[in-house]
Amino acid sequence: MFQVRGTGRSFSGFGFPEFSGGGFQQRIFTMEKGRPLLRWAGILCVGMAVAGFGLNALGGKQEPDAMKRMGADLVSIDTLKKFGTLEYPVVRFEHDKHTRAVEGKCETCHTVSGSKVAARFKRQEDTDAAEIKAIYHENCIGCHIETAKAGKKSGPGSGECRSCHTGPAESVRTPVVFDKSLHYRHSSSKMVLPASGQKENCSKCHTKDQPDKRDLSFAENKEQAHEKCLSCHMEIGKAKQATGPLECAGCHDATVRAGFKKIADVPRLEAGQSDYALLMAPVKNAGQPVPINAVPFNHKLHEEKIENCSTCHHNVASKGVMACSQCHTSLGKEEGGFVTLEQAMHRVGAKSSCVGCHAAAQAKPQCAGCHAFMGRTGQKSDSSCSKCHVDITADPALMADKTTGSATARMIIDARPKADTTLNLDEIPDVVEIGVLSNEFQPSKFAHRKIVGKMLEGMKDDAMAAYFHSSPYAVCSGCHHNSPPSANPPKCASCHNQNTDGVKPGLKNAYHQQCMGCHREMGIQKPADTACVECHATKQ
């Protein structure tokens, strides 16, 4: 127990540890030294309280770092970023939640003229940072306060900055996928039917489009896109007709979109495109030689294979349909993300590239058994380029003459084979006995003819396979990957030794990697790729 000077009060039990051998003097020493410690402890407590109050004023309850994924209606409000560095993190705004709170009355937050909704909040244009900040704070916080006064659950009030400014978050929001089915449903709607004597009314949505100059760009930015879509949906709704969604999830949630009605047989979208095209690298001068051979391209066939034009023309929404070379040049430029023309056409992992799209087709089960391994182990041939780049010394004038280029491409493509050359299965051994490694197990009996026949069945009537398989024995290259196409390829042991040489796998590994790998890639369940005795009978 001790007395604090100037107070006349005594205190004990502060929890200081007892000293085992110092007696009274040691305790006095401890308390004398303890006075400044107590003083600083008090200051620290007050400071923490003030800091806590300040943090609460700036943020209220802080969100944990690890958050669940938010809905498709999550909008990150970072409008002031264009004026400089943000003072606070971006605002997480749940749009559908607020739409329901105001009972779907868009004019509560947006300017609505007739059926046209302005995308910006409580304003038509972005003026300056101070004015925009005031618009958000006065209207958002003001609405929260009024709602709370009415006894309803509401959002943060004044001084709770970080309850809204919580920074970026993960969301289930995905871009709108406007496929051919959805486009047809819009174009055949009563609201966009063409006038009498006209074929179409594309300008209802594609406002820059004209019959003599096709411009299928939809909107320059997401604000214009939302204004167009929502305004049209509201207009149709007021006419008491079935209309599109007015909430974010209706367009931006993949789960919701999966429930949309699908039109299976969609008529071709006519946009002035040619059935065939001759693709050539651009040249600056008429007398300059073409840097690479031209590619005849069946445009109509590819339209049938894809879901929407943006699969290839990935800027079609904002810039309309353009030639790849307008964004992708030989050196690359900003409009094309600095992806060169060669990369845009040949990048294997890109869905929009020619090679990438073909590689995706090769991943189908009936193709993957061969192609999954040929890409890693097959021979690289310079002649493979000529399958697309035909030997034409095309005059650059063809690029300017759309009709002549289209006719040339069609003539070349029509001359190509439309089905695989028939392979005489009788030339192929019915069963091949693989016994070179038999030790613990009996030799494996490989149903060679049956397996080849199954593979041929998988590529039947496939025009792409017919053209790119350069000979009737091309199917053999899936297993005999470094042998010339032949009915009698050399045995595996001619390349693979009993043990690995550090370059090629050993014979046992080569067999197992090829056979088991093919089973996995083609999804073959029986025999299982790990069931040894289903291929190798155990020796008695």
Protein backbone atom coordinates (compact mmCIF):
# COMPACT_ATOMS: atom_id res chain seq x y z
CA MET A 1 0.00 0.00 0.00
CA PHE A 2 1.25 3.49 -0.80
CA GLN A 3 0.05 7.06 -0.87
CA VAL A 4 0.06 9.28 -3.96
CA ARG A 5 1.43 12.73 -3.13
CA GLY A 6 -1.06 15.57 -3.19
CA THR A 7 -4.12 13.33 -3.22
CA GLY A 8 -4.39 12.07 0.35
CA ARG A 9 -5.43 8.68 -1.10
CA SER A 10 -3.83 5.29 -0.56
CA PHE A 11 -3.72 2.48 -3.14
CA SER A 12 -2.74 -1.17 -3.05
CA GLY A 13 -3.08 -4.25 -5.20
CA PHE A 14 -1.83 -2.85 -8.53
CA GLY A 15 -0.37 -6.22 -9.29
CA PHE A 16 3.34 -5.38 -9.06
CA PRO A 17 5.29 -8.56 -8.29
CA GLU A 18 6.58 -9.03 -4.75
CA PHE A 19 10.36 -9.08 -4.37
CA SER A 20 11.73 -11.98 -2.40
CA GLY A 21 14.70 -10.36 -0.64
CA GLY A 22 14.64 -6.58 -0.84
CA GLY A 23 12.38 -5.65 2.08
CA PHE A 24 10.87 -2.22 2.58
CA GLN A 25 13.61 -0.21 0.84
CA GLN A 26 13.29 -2.31 -2.32
CA ARG A 27 9.53 -1.80 -2.40
CA ILE A 28 9.97 1.99 -1.91
CA PHE A 29 12.53 1.99 -4.75
CA THR A 30 10.09 0.12 -6.99
CA MET A 31 7.30 2.58 -6.28
CA GLU A 32 9.55 5.60 -6.75
CA LYS A 33 10.59 4.27 -10.12
CA GLY A 34 7.02 3.27 -10.84
CA ARG A 35 5.65 6.82 -10.75
CA PRO A 36 6.94 7.78 -14.22
CA LEU A 37 5.89 4.36 -15.47
CA LEU A 38 2.38 4.97 -14.21
CA ARG A 39 2.37 8.42 -15.71
CA TRP A 40 3.38 7.08 -19.14
CA ALA A 41 0.92 4.22 -18.83
CA GLY A 42 -1.86 6.74 -18.27
CA ILE A 43 -0.79 8.80 -21.25
CA LEU A 44 -0.66 5.64 -23.36
CA CYS A 45 -4.17 4.61 -22.32
CA VAL A 46 -5.57 8.03 -23.14
CA GLY A 47 -3.71 8.01 -26.46
CA MET A 48 -5.11 4.62 -27.37
CA ALA A 49 -8.61 5.79 -26.49
CA VAL A 50 -8.23 8.87 -28.67
CA ALA A 51 -6.74 6.79 -31.48
CA GLY A 52 -9.59 4.33 -31.17
CA PHE A 53 -12.11 7.16 -31.37
CA GLY A 54 -10.31 8.54 -34.43
CA LEU A 55 -10.23 5.17 -36.14
CA ASN A 56 -13.90 4.74 -35.42
CA ALA A 57 -14.60 8.17 -36.89
CA LEU A 58 -12.63 7.31 -40.00
CA GLY A 59 -13.84 3.83 -40.40
CA GLY A 60 -16.14 2.36 -37.83
CA LYS A 61 -15.99 -1.41 -37.83
CA GLN A 62 -13.14 -2.60 -40.02
CA GLU A 63 -13.71 -5.38 -42.53
CA PRO A 64 -11.50 -8.46 -42.19
CA ASP A 65 -8.88 -8.93 -44.89
CA ALA A 66 -10.16 -12.33 -45.93
CA MET A 67 -13.69 -11.76 -47.25
CA LYS A 68 -16.15 -14.02 -48.98
CA ARG A 69 -16.75 -13.32 -52.65
CA MET A 70 -19.27 -10.55 -53.12
CA GLY A 71 -22.18 -10.57 -55.54
CA ALA A 72 -22.29 -9.60 -59.20
CA ASP A 73 -23.70 -6.23 -58.19
CA LEU A 74 -20.44 -5.09 -56.60
CA VAL A 75 -19.35 -1.77 -58.10
CA SER A 76 -16.01 -0.23 -57.16
CA ILE A 77 -16.48 3.53 -57.06
CA ASP A 78 -13.11 5.05 -57.91
CA THR A 79 -14.38 8.08 -59.85
CA LEU A 80 -11.88 10.48 -58.26
CA LYS A 81 -8.90 8.44 -59.49
CA LYS A 82 -8.88 10.46 -62.72
CA PHE A 83 -8.09 13.59 -60.68
CA GLY A 84 -5.07 12.13 -58.85
CA THR A 85 -4.14 9.75 -56.03
CA LEU A 86 -7.10 8.62 -53.95
CA GLU A 87 -7.18 9.77 -50.33
CA TYR A 88 -9.12 6.69 -49.23
CA PRO A 89 -9.55 3.18 -50.70
CA VAL A 90 -12.24 2.68 -53.33
CA VAL A 91 -15.85 2.33 -52.21
CA ARG A 92 -17.51 -1.07 -52.34
CA PHE A 93 -21.02 -0.36 -53.54
CA GLU A 94 -23.64 -3.12 -53.80
CA HIS A 95 -25.90 -1.84 -56.55
CA ASP A 96 -28.72 -4.40 -56.50
CA LYS A 97 -28.98 -4.06 -52.73
CA HIS A 98 -29.55 -0.31 -53.10
CA THR A 99 -31.90 -0.76 -56.06
CA ARG A 100 -34.16 -2.92 -53.92
CA ALA A 101 -33.92 -0.40 -51.06
CA VAL A 102 -35.36 2.36 -53.27
CA GLU A 103 -37.94 -0.05 -54.72
CA GLY A 104 -36.47 0.05 -58.22
CA LYS A 105 -36.83 3.81 -58.62
CA CYS A 106 -33.71 4.64 -60.66
CA GLU A 107 -34.44 8.37 -60.43
CA THR A 108 -33.57 8.21 -56.70
CA CYS A 109 -29.89 8.15 -57.66
CA HIS A 110 -29.76 8.79 -61.42
CA THR A 111 -31.11 11.41 -63.76
CA VAL A 112 -33.93 9.87 -65.79
CA SER A 113 -35.29 11.64 -68.84
CA GLY A 114 -38.23 9.72 -70.28
CA SER A 115 -36.83 6.18 -70.40
CA LYS A 116 -33.19 7.20 -70.63
CA VAL A 117 -31.14 6.62 -67.50
CA ALA A 118 -27.88 8.53 -66.97
CA ALA A 119 -25.19 6.18 -65.67
CA ARG A 120 -23.46 8.76 -63.45
CA PHE A 121 -24.67 9.28 -59.88
CA LYS A 122 -26.66 12.49 -59.38
CA ARG A 123 -24.89 14.31 -62.22
CA GLN A 124 -24.54 14.41 -66.00
CA GLU A 125 -20.80 15.11 -66.27
CA ASP A 126 -17.62 14.77 -64.20
CA THR A 127 -16.59 18.30 -63.23
CA ASP A 128 -13.92 18.44 -60.52
CA ALA A 129 -12.92 16.27 -57.56
CA ALA A 130 -14.35 18.54 -54.84
CA GLU A 131 -17.77 18.79 -56.47
CA ILE A 132 -18.03 15.07 -57.20
CA LYS A 133 -16.93 14.19 -53.66
CA ALA A 134 -19.57 16.53 -52.24
CA ILE A 135 -22.27 14.98 -54.45
CA TYR A 136 -21.48 11.49 -53.18
CA HIS A 137 -21.14 12.42 -49.52
CA GLU A 138 -24.16 14.72 -49.28
CA ASN A 139 -26.50 12.36 -51.09
CA CYS A 140 -25.29 8.98 -49.83
CA ILE A 141 -24.84 9.97 -46.18
CA GLY A 142 -27.94 12.15 -46.29
CA CYS A 143 -30.03 9.23 -47.51
CA HIS A 144 -28.59 6.97 -44.80
CA ILE A 145 -29.44 9.51 -42.10
CA GLU A 146 -33.00 10.01 -43.35
CA THR A 147 -33.54 6.27 -43.59
CA ALA A 148 -32.27 5.78 -40.04
CA LYS A 149 -34.57 8.55 -38.77
CA ALA A 150 -37.48 6.66 -40.30
CA GLY A 151 -36.56 3.72 -38.08
CA LYS A 152 -35.27 1.59 -40.94
CA LYS A 153 -31.98 -0.26 -41.25
CA SER A 154 -29.52 1.99 -43.04
CA GLY A 155 -25.95 2.46 -44.15
CA PRO A 156 -23.08 4.33 -42.43
CA GLY A 157 -23.50 7.89 -41.27
CA SER A 158 -21.17 10.87 -41.20
CA GLY A 159 -17.67 10.12 -39.91
CA GLU A 160 -17.73 6.39 -40.69
CA CYS A 161 -15.55 6.76 -43.76
CA ARG A 162 -14.03 3.33 -43.87
CA SER A 163 -17.35 1.57 -43.59
CA CYS A 164 -17.77 2.47 -47.28
CA HIS A 165 -14.12 3.02 -48.29
CA THR A 166 -13.08 -0.59 -47.76
CA GLY A 167 -11.03 -1.11 -50.90
CA PRO A 168 -11.26 -3.65 -53.75
CA ALA A 169 -12.91 -7.03 -53.17
CA GLU A 170 -13.36 -10.26 -55.09
CA SER A 171 -16.69 -10.55 -56.85
CA VAL A 172 -18.63 -13.11 -58.87
CA ARG A 173 -19.21 -10.36 -61.45
CA THR A 174 -18.32 -11.43 -64.99
CA PRO A 175 -18.47 -9.58 -68.32
CA VAL A 176 -21.68 -9.79 -70.32
CA VAL A 177 -21.58 -12.67 -72.80
CA PHE A 178 -23.72 -11.52 -75.72
CA ASP A 179 -23.80 -14.71 -77.78
CA LYS A 180 -25.59 -15.35 -81.05
CA SER A 181 -28.70 -16.66 -79.29
CA LEU A 182 -29.04 -13.56 -77.10
CA HIS A 183 -28.36 -11.29 -80.08
CA TYR A 184 -31.08 -12.99 -82.11
CA ARG A 185 -33.58 -12.63 -79.28
CA HIS A 186 -32.85 -8.90 -79.17
CA SER A 187 -32.87 -8.36 -82.93
CA SER A 188 -36.17 -10.21 -83.34
CA SER A 189 -37.82 -8.25 -80.52
CA LYS A 190 -40.83 -6.11 -81.42
CA MET A 191 -38.93 -3.07 -80.19
CA VAL A 192 -36.23 -3.35 -82.87
CA LEU A 193 -38.19 -4.64 -85.83
CA PRO A 194 -37.19 -2.84 -89.06
CA ALA A 195 -39.44 -0.27 -90.63
CA SER A 196 -41.50 -1.18 -93.67
CA GLY A 197 -39.27 -1.88 -96.65
CA GLN A 198 -36.11 -2.19 -94.54
CA LYS A 199 -34.21 -5.41 -93.92
CA GLU A 200 -32.96 -4.66 -90.41
CA ASN A 201 -32.84 -2.08 -87.68
CA CYS A 202 -29.30 -2.45 -86.35
CA SER A 203 -29.07 1.26 -85.57
CA LYS A 204 -31.46 0.78 -82.63
CA CYS A 205 -28.44 -0.49 -80.68
CA HIS A 206 -25.51 0.19 -83.02
CA THR A 207 -26.22 3.90 -83.29
CA LYS A 208 -23.32 4.66 -85.68
CA ASP A 209 -24.30 1.94 -88.15
CA GLN A 210 -25.45 2.95 -91.63
CA PRO A 211 -26.44 0.75 -94.59
CA ASP A 212 -23.60 2.15 -96.71
CA LYS A 213 -21.01 2.07 -93.91
CA ARG A 214 -21.20 -0.77 -91.42
CA ASP A 215 -20.15 0.20 -87.89
CA LEU A 216 -21.20 -2.43 -85.36
CA SER A 217 -19.51 -0.83 -82.36
CA PHE A 218 -21.96 -0.75 -79.49
CA ALA A 219 -20.66 1.78 -76.95
CA GLU A 220 -17.41 3.58 -76.29
CA ASN A 221 -17.36 2.79 -72.55
CA LYS A 222 -19.27 0.89 -69.89
CA GLU A 223 -21.25 3.98 -68.88
CA GLN A 224 -22.71 4.31 -72.39
CA ALA A 225 -23.35 0.57 -72.50
CA HIS A 226 -25.31 0.65 -69.26
CA GLU A 227 -27.26 3.69 -70.35
CA LYS A 228 -28.26 2.00 -73.61
CA CYS A 229 -29.19 -1.36 -72.13
CA LEU A 230 -31.01 -0.17 -69.02
CA SER A 231 -32.85 2.61 -70.86
CA CYS A 232 -34.08 0.13 -73.47
CA HIS A 233 -35.12 -2.41 -70.83
CA MET A 234 -37.07 0.31 -68.99
CA GLU A 235 -38.70 1.50 -72.23
CA ILE A 236 -39.87 -2.03 -73.08
CA GLY A 237 -41.06 -2.57 -69.51
CA LYS A 238 -43.20 0.57 -69.62
CA ALA A 239 -44.81 -0.80 -72.78
CA LYS A 240 -45.93 -3.79 -70.67
CA GLN A 241 -43.77 -6.22 -72.62
CA ALA A 242 -41.35 -8.85 -71.37
CA THR A 243 -38.04 -7.10 -70.92
CA GLY A 244 -34.43 -7.66 -69.92
CA PRO A 245 -32.98 -7.41 -66.42
CA LEU A 246 -32.71 -4.16 -64.48
CA GLU A 247 -30.41 -5.59 -61.80
CA CYS A 248 -26.69 -6.29 -62.19
CA ALA A 249 -26.95 -10.04 -61.57
CA GLY A 250 -29.28 -10.41 -64.55
CA CYS A 251 -26.41 -9.73 -66.96
CA HIS A 252 -23.23 -10.09 -64.90
CA ASP A 253 -23.84 -13.32 -62.95
CA ALA A 254 -22.88 -16.43 -64.93
CA THR A 255 -25.24 -18.60 -62.87
CA VAL A 256 -28.18 -16.35 -63.74
CA ARG A 257 -27.17 -16.20 -67.42
CA ALA A 258 -27.10 -20.00 -67.56
CA GLY A 259 -30.88 -19.92 -67.12
CA PHE A 260 -31.46 -17.75 -70.20
CA LYS A 261 -33.48 -19.23 -73.02
CA LYS A 262 -31.21 -20.63 -75.74
CA ILE A 263 -32.09 -20.50 -79.44
CA ALA A 264 -30.45 -23.58 -80.92
CA ASP A 265 -30.66 -22.80 -84.64
CA VAL A 266 -29.86 -19.09 -84.94
CA PRO A 267 -30.08 -17.58 -88.45
CA ARG A 268 -26.83 -16.17 -89.72
CA LEU A 269 -26.14 -12.61 -88.62
CA GLU A 270 -25.74 -10.64 -91.82
CA ALA A 271 -23.37 -7.71 -91.34
CA GLY A 272 -21.98 -7.27 -94.83
CA GLN A 273 -19.29 -9.90 -94.27
CA SER A 274 -17.92 -12.15 -97.02
CA ASP A 275 -18.28 -15.91 -96.91
CA TYR A 276 -14.57 -16.24 -97.69
CA ALA A 277 -11.58 -13.98 -97.16
CA LEU A 278 -7.93 -13.95 -98.14
CA LEU A 279 -5.96 -12.98 -95.04
CA MET A 280 -2.70 -11.19 -95.74
CA ALA A 281 -0.20 -9.23 -93.70
CA PRO A 282 -0.55 -5.51 -94.49
CA VAL A 283 1.99 -3.65 -96.60
CA LYS A 284 2.53 0.11 -96.71
CA ASN A 285 3.40 0.50 -100.38
CA ALA A 286 1.80 -1.11 -103.42
CA GLY A 287 5.18 -2.22 -104.78
CA GLN A 288 6.31 -3.78 -101.47
CA PRO A 289 6.37 -7.61 -101.44
CA VAL A 290 3.96 -9.43 -99.13
CA PRO A 291 6.01 -10.54 -96.06
CA ILE A 292 4.25 -13.91 -95.70
CA ASN A 293 2.00 -16.09 -97.84
CA ALA A 294 -1.74 -15.46 -97.69
CA VAL A 295 -4.23 -17.57 -95.72
CA PRO A 296 -7.53 -18.47 -97.41
CA PHE A 297 -10.20 -18.32 -94.71
CA ASN A 298 -13.71 -19.77 -94.67
CA HIS A 299 -15.48 -17.06 -92.67
CA LYS A 300 -18.96 -18.53 -92.91
CA LEU A 301 -17.84 -21.92 -91.57
CA HIS A 302 -16.10 -20.31 -88.61
CA GLU A 303 -19.19 -18.23 -87.82
CA GLU A 304 -21.12 -21.47 -87.36
CA LYS A 305 -18.53 -22.84 -84.93
CA ILE A 306 -18.33 -19.91 -82.51
CA GLU A 307 -20.78 -18.40 -80.02
CA ASN A 308 -20.29 -14.75 -80.93
CA CYS A 309 -18.22 -12.45 -83.13
CA SER A 310 -16.14 -11.25 -80.18
CA THR A 311 -14.50 -14.70 -79.99
CA CYS A 312 -12.23 -13.50 -82.80
CA HIS A 313 -13.01 -9.79 -83.07
CA HIS A 314 -12.61 -9.17 -79.34
CA ASN A 315 -13.05 -5.39 -79.61
CA VAL A 316 -16.27 -5.62 -81.60
CA ALA A 317 -18.37 -4.08 -78.79
CA SER A 318 -16.44 -0.83 -78.54
CA LYS A 319 -14.80 -0.54 -81.96
CA GLY A 320 -16.89 -2.69 -84.26
CA VAL A 321 -15.58 -5.45 -86.50
CA MET A 322 -12.10 -4.59 -87.70
CA ALA A 323 -9.27 -6.43 -89.37
CA CYS A 324 -6.79 -7.91 -86.85
CA SER A 325 -4.00 -5.83 -88.36
CA GLN A 326 -5.69 -2.59 -87.27
CA CYS A 327 -4.81 -3.35 -83.65
CA HIS A 328 -2.07 -5.97 -84.01
CA THR A 329 0.91 -4.90 -86.10
CA SER A 330 4.25 -6.55 -86.83
CA LEU A 331 5.83 -4.66 -83.92
CA GLY A 332 2.74 -4.34 -81.71
CA LYS A 333 1.02 -1.17 -80.53
CA GLU A 334 -0.99 0.08 -77.57
CA GLU A 335 -4.44 -0.53 -79.11
CA GLY A 336 -3.59 -4.21 -79.37
CA GLY A 337 -2.01 -4.55 -75.95
CA PHE A 338 1.39 -4.68 -77.69
CA VAL A 339 0.52 -8.17 -78.97
CA THR A 340 2.06 -8.53 -82.42
CA LEU A 341 0.09 -9.75 -85.42
CA GLU A 342 2.10 -12.99 -85.48
CA GLN A 343 1.31 -13.62 -81.79
CA ALA A 344 -2.36 -12.74 -82.25
CA MET A 345 -2.68 -15.44 -84.91
CA HIS A 346 -0.39 -18.13 -83.49
CA ARG A 347 -0.42 -17.93 -79.67
CA VAL A 348 -1.41 -21.41 -78.48
CA GLY A 349 -2.97 -20.33 -75.19
CA ALA A 350 -5.11 -17.51 -76.61
CA LYS A 351 -8.74 -18.29 -77.41
CA SER A 352 -8.88 -15.58 -80.05
CA SER A 353 -5.88 -16.82 -82.04
CA CYS A 354 -6.20 -19.26 -84.94
CA VAL A 355 -3.71 -21.73 -83.47
CA GLY A 356 -5.19 -21.37 -79.99
CA CYS A 357 -8.69 -22.14 -81.23
CA HIS A 358 -7.48 -25.17 -83.17
CA ALA A 359 -5.53 -26.35 -80.12
CA ALA A 360 -8.75 -26.20 -78.10
CA ALA A 361 -10.42 -28.40 -80.73
CA GLN A 362 -7.57 -30.89 -80.42
CA ALA A 363 -8.36 -31.20 -76.71
CA LYS A 364 -11.58 -33.07 -77.51
CA PRO A 365 -11.40 -36.67 -76.19
CA GLN A 366 -11.35 -38.26 -79.66
CA CYS A 367 -8.39 -36.04 -80.63
CA ALA A 368 -6.49 -35.58 -77.37
CA GLY A 369 -5.05 -39.10 -77.22
CA CYS A 370 -2.75 -38.25 -80.13
CA HIS A 371 -2.41 -34.48 -80.03
CA ALA A 372 -1.57 -34.22 -76.32
CA PHE A 373 1.65 -36.12 -76.99
CA MET A 374 2.43 -35.01 -80.52
CA GLY A 375 2.78 -31.44 -79.29
CA ARG A 376 5.58 -32.54 -76.95
CA THR A 377 7.16 -35.46 -78.78
CA GLY A 378 6.22 -35.15 -82.45
CA GLN A 379 8.48 -34.03 -85.23
CA LYS A 380 8.51 -30.33 -86.02
CA SER A 381 8.01 -29.76 -89.72
CA ASP A 382 8.43 -26.51 -91.62
CA SER A 383 5.81 -27.75 -94.06
CA SER A 384 3.12 -27.45 -91.38
CA CYS A 385 2.98 -23.68 -92.02
CA SER A 386 1.91 -24.33 -95.60
CA LYS A 387 -1.30 -25.98 -94.43
CA CYS A 388 -2.64 -22.48 -93.73
CA HIS A 389 -0.23 -20.19 -95.61
CA VAL A 390 -0.70 -21.32 -99.20
CA ASP A 391 1.95 -20.74 -101.83
CA ILE A 392 0.46 -17.64 -103.43
CA THR A 393 2.53 -14.66 -104.43
CA ALA A 394 -0.43 -12.42 -103.75
CA ASP A 395 -0.43 -8.94 -105.15
CA PRO A 396 -1.14 -6.36 -102.40
CA ALA A 397 -3.91 -5.07 -104.65
CA LEU A 398 -5.92 -8.11 -103.53
CA MET A 399 -6.21 -6.55 -100.10
CA ALA A 400 -8.04 -3.58 -101.55
CA ASP A 401 -10.21 -5.74 -103.83
CA LYS A 402 -12.48 -7.58 -101.41
CA THR A 403 -14.38 -9.42 -104.15
CA THR A 404 -11.30 -10.82 -105.88
CA GLY A 405 -9.71 -11.84 -102.59
CA SER A 406 -12.89 -13.63 -101.49
CA ALA A 407 -13.20 -15.47 -104.81
CA THR A 408 -9.53 -16.56 -104.65
CA ALA A 409 -9.95 -17.88 -101.10
CA ARG A 410 -13.09 -19.78 -102.04
CA MET A 411 -11.44 -21.42 -105.05
CA ILE A 412 -8.55 -22.70 -102.92
CA ILE A 413 -10.74 -23.96 -100.06
CA ASP A 414 -13.23 -25.70 -102.37
CA ALA A 415 -10.35 -27.71 -103.85
CA ARG A 416 -9.41 -29.17 -100.46
CA PRO A 417 -10.43 -32.69 -99.39
CA LYS A 418 -13.63 -32.80 -97.34
CA ALA A 419 -13.08 -36.21 -95.75
CA ASP A 420 -10.11 -38.29 -94.64
CA THR A 421 -8.59 -40.58 -97.25
CA THR A 422 -9.84 -44.06 -96.48
CA LEU A 423 -7.28 -46.14 -94.62
CA ASN A 424 -7.33 -49.83 -95.47
CA LEU A 425 -7.68 -51.44 -92.05
CA ASP A 426 -6.79 -54.82 -93.53
CA GLU A 427 -3.20 -53.56 -93.92
CA ILE A 428 -2.99 -53.13 -90.17
CA PRO A 429 -2.18 -56.13 -87.93
CA ASP A 430 -5.19 -57.27 -85.95
CA VAL A 431 -3.28 -57.88 -82.71
CA VAL A 432 0.28 -56.89 -81.84
CA GLU A 433 2.02 -58.83 -79.11
CA ILE A 434 4.38 -56.65 -77.08
CA GLY A 435 6.72 -59.00 -75.26
CA VAL A 436 10.09 -57.32 -75.41
CA LEU A 437 9.89 -56.45 -71.71
CA SER A 438 7.99 -59.52 -70.45
CA ASN A 439 9.48 -60.71 -67.20
CA GLU A 440 7.03 -60.74 -64.32
CA PHE A 441 4.02 -60.52 -66.65
CA GLN A 442 2.96 -62.22 -69.87
CA PRO A 443 3.41 -60.25 -73.13
CA SER A 444 0.72 -57.61 -73.71
CA LYS A 445 -1.70 -58.31 -76.53
CA PHE A 446 -2.50 -54.98 -78.16
CA ALA A 447 -5.78 -54.84 -80.16
CA HIS A 448 -4.13 -52.74 -82.84
CA ARG A 449 -6.73 -52.82 -85.63
CA LYS A 450 -9.66 -52.27 -83.25
CA ILE A 451 -7.99 -49.24 -81.67
CA VAL A 452 -7.09 -47.65 -85.02
CA GLY A 453 -10.65 -48.22 -86.23
CA LYS A 454 -12.01 -46.48 -83.12
CA MET A 455 -9.75 -43.50 -83.72
CA LEU A 456 -10.84 -43.23 -87.35
CA GLU A 457 -14.46 -43.35 -86.25
CA GLY A 458 -13.82 -40.35 -83.96
CA MET A 459 -12.62 -38.16 -86.83
CA LYS A 460 -15.23 -39.25 -89.37
CA ASP A 461 -16.77 -36.37 -91.35
CA ASP A 462 -14.42 -33.88 -89.67
CA ALA A 463 -13.30 -31.51 -92.44
CA MET A 464 -10.57 -29.97 -90.30
CA ALA A 465 -9.07 -33.37 -89.54
CA ALA A 466 -9.36 -34.34 -93.20
CA TYR A 467 -7.34 -31.34 -94.30
CA PHE A 468 -4.72 -31.15 -91.58
CA HIS A 469 -4.02 -34.89 -91.54
CA SER A 470 -1.65 -34.80 -94.47
CA SER A 471 -1.85 -38.52 -95.31
CA PRO A 472 -4.11 -41.50 -94.57
CA TYR A 473 -1.44 -42.72 -92.14
CA ALA A 474 -1.33 -39.48 -90.16
CA VAL A 475 -3.37 -41.19 -87.44
CA CYS A 476 -0.39 -43.51 -86.87
CA SER A 477 1.72 -40.55 -85.76
CA GLY A 478 -0.13 -40.41 -82.47
CA CYS A 479 1.84 -43.42 -81.23
CA HIS A 480 4.67 -43.63 -83.75
CA HIS A 481 5.43 -39.96 -83.20
CA ASN A 482 8.85 -39.78 -84.80
CA SER A 483 8.25 -42.06 -87.75
CA PRO A 484 7.19 -41.06 -91.26
CA PRO A 485 3.55 -41.94 -91.99
CA SER A 486 3.53 -45.57 -93.05
CA ALA A 487 1.56 -48.80 -92.72
CA ASN A 488 4.73 -50.43 -91.38
CA PRO A 489 6.45 -47.99 -89.00
CA PRO A 490 9.58 -49.11 -87.14
CA LYS A 491 9.22 -50.64 -83.70
CA CYS A 492 9.45 -48.48 -80.58
CA ALA A 493 12.67 -50.26 -79.59
CA SER A 494 14.40 -48.81 -82.64
CA CYS A 495 14.44 -45.42 -80.84
CA HIS A 496 14.00 -46.30 -77.15
CA ASN A 497 16.63 -48.41 -75.41
CA GLN A 498 16.03 -50.65 -72.40
CA ASN A 499 17.29 -47.82 -70.19
CA THR A 500 16.95 -44.08 -70.66
CA ASP A 501 19.83 -42.30 -72.36
CA GLY A 502 19.01 -38.98 -70.70
CA VAL A 503 17.38 -37.70 -73.88
CA LYS A 504 14.60 -40.18 -74.56
CA PRO A 505 12.73 -42.23 -71.95
CA GLY A 506 13.62 -45.90 -71.66
CA LEU A 507 11.53 -48.46 -73.52
CA LYS A 508 9.36 -49.41 -70.52
CA ASN A 509 8.65 -45.77 -69.68
CA ALA A 510 7.96 -44.97 -73.33
CA TYR A 511 5.30 -47.69 -73.57
CA HIS A 512 3.66 -46.76 -70.29
CA GLN A 513 3.69 -43.01 -70.88
CA GLN A 514 2.17 -43.43 -74.33
CA CYS A 515 -0.47 -46.06 -73.51
CA MET A 516 -1.50 -44.84 -70.07
CA GLY A 517 -1.31 -41.20 -71.13
CA CYS A 518 -3.62 -41.84 -74.08
CA HIS A 519 -6.15 -43.54 -71.82
CA ARG A 520 -6.21 -40.54 -69.51
CA GLU A 521 -6.45 -37.95 -72.29
CA MET A 522 -9.26 -39.80 -74.09
CA GLY A 523 -11.16 -40.54 -70.88
CA ILE A 524 -11.00 -44.32 -71.35
CA GLN A 525 -12.28 -45.99 -68.20
CA LYS A 526 -11.56 -49.62 -69.07
CA PRO A 527 -8.92 -50.87 -69.04
CA ALA A 528 -7.87 -48.43 -66.34
CA ASP A 529 -4.50 -46.82 -66.94
CA THR A 530 -3.17 -48.25 -63.66
CA ALA A 531 -4.61 -51.79 -63.89
CA CYS A 532 -1.49 -53.74 -64.85
CA VAL A 533 -3.15 -57.17 -65.09
CA GLU A 534 -5.77 -55.87 -67.53
CA CYS A 535 -3.00 -55.46 -70.10
CA HIS A 536 -0.38 -57.88 -68.74
CA ALA A 537 -1.48 -61.32 -67.59
CA THR A 538 0.55 -62.52 -64.59
CA LYS A 539 2.96 -65.37 -65.29
CA GLN A 540 2.08 -68.68 -63.66
